[in-house]
Protein backbone atom coordinates (compact mmCIF):
# COMPACT_ATOMS: atom_id res chain seq x y z
CA UNK A 1 -17.18 11.16 21.79
CA UNK A 2 -17.02 13.16 18.56
CA UNK A 3 -18.47 12.04 15.24
CA UNK A 4 -16.23 11.00 12.37
CA UNK A 5 -16.29 12.67 8.98
CA UNK A 6 -18.62 11.19 6.33
CA UNK A 7 -15.61 10.22 4.18
CA UNK A 8 -14.14 8.26 7.08
CA UNK A 9 -17.48 6.57 7.77
CA UNK A 10 -17.82 5.53 4.12
CA UNK A 11 -14.30 4.13 4.20
CA UNK A 12 -15.10 2.03 7.27
CA UNK A 13 -18.49 0.87 5.94
CA UNK A 14 -16.76 -0.52 2.84
CA UNK A 15 -14.62 -2.85 4.95
CA UNK A 16 -15.45 -6.56 5.03
CA UNK A 17 -13.63 -9.57 6.51
CA UNK A 18 -12.61 -10.56 2.97
CA UNK A 19 -11.51 -7.05 2.01
CA UNK A 20 -10.11 -5.05 4.93
CA UNK A 21 -9.55 -1.36 4.25
CA UNK A 22 -7.83 -0.32 7.46
CA UNK A 23 -4.09 0.19 7.65
CA UNK A 24 -1.78 -0.68 10.51
CA UNK A 25 1.87 -0.17 11.22
CA UNK A 26 4.42 -1.27 13.75
CA UNK A 27 7.57 0.61 14.63
CA UNK A 28 10.18 -0.70 17.05
CA UNK A 29 12.44 1.83 18.76
CA UNK A 30 15.40 1.65 21.10
CA UNK A 31 16.14 4.21 23.79
CA UNK A 32 19.27 6.32 23.33
CA UNK A 33 22.17 5.10 25.49
CA UNK A 34 21.94 8.02 27.95
CA UNK A 35 18.13 8.21 28.15
CA UNK A 36 16.84 9.21 31.56
CA UNK A 37 13.85 7.76 33.38
CA UNK A 38 11.49 10.38 31.89
CA UNK A 39 12.77 10.13 28.30
CA UNK A 40 9.63 8.50 26.88
CA UNK A 41 7.32 10.80 28.86
CA UNK A 42 9.20 13.86 27.62
CA UNK A 43 9.11 12.62 24.04
CA UNK A 44 5.36 11.98 24.35
CA UNK A 45 4.74 15.51 25.66
CA UNK A 46 6.92 17.02 22.92
CA UNK A 47 5.08 15.13 20.17
CA UNK A 48 1.67 15.94 21.67
CA UNK A 49 2.34 19.69 22.07
CA UNK A 50 1.22 20.81 18.56
CA UNK A 51 -2.17 19.13 18.99
CA UNK A 52 -2.70 20.40 22.53
CA UNK A 53 -1.78 23.93 21.45
CA UNK A 54 -4.07 23.71 18.40
CA UNK A 55 -7.01 22.49 20.52
CA UNK A 56 -6.47 25.24 23.10
CA UNK A 57 -6.37 27.94 20.41
CA UNK A 58 -9.62 26.70 18.85
CA UNK A 59 -11.74 26.73 22.03
């Protein structure tokens, strides 16, 4: 597990039950009419590619 940045740690330490500082979101999607069985898997791989490429280049 990697450590978080000091700014992120300070943000989390300031959170209390009475004053939450975290943010959440919910997005609901529908598959396109002609989506194949691997549509979601392909979309996941496509969205993940920039991060995987970046990590591989920085090793």
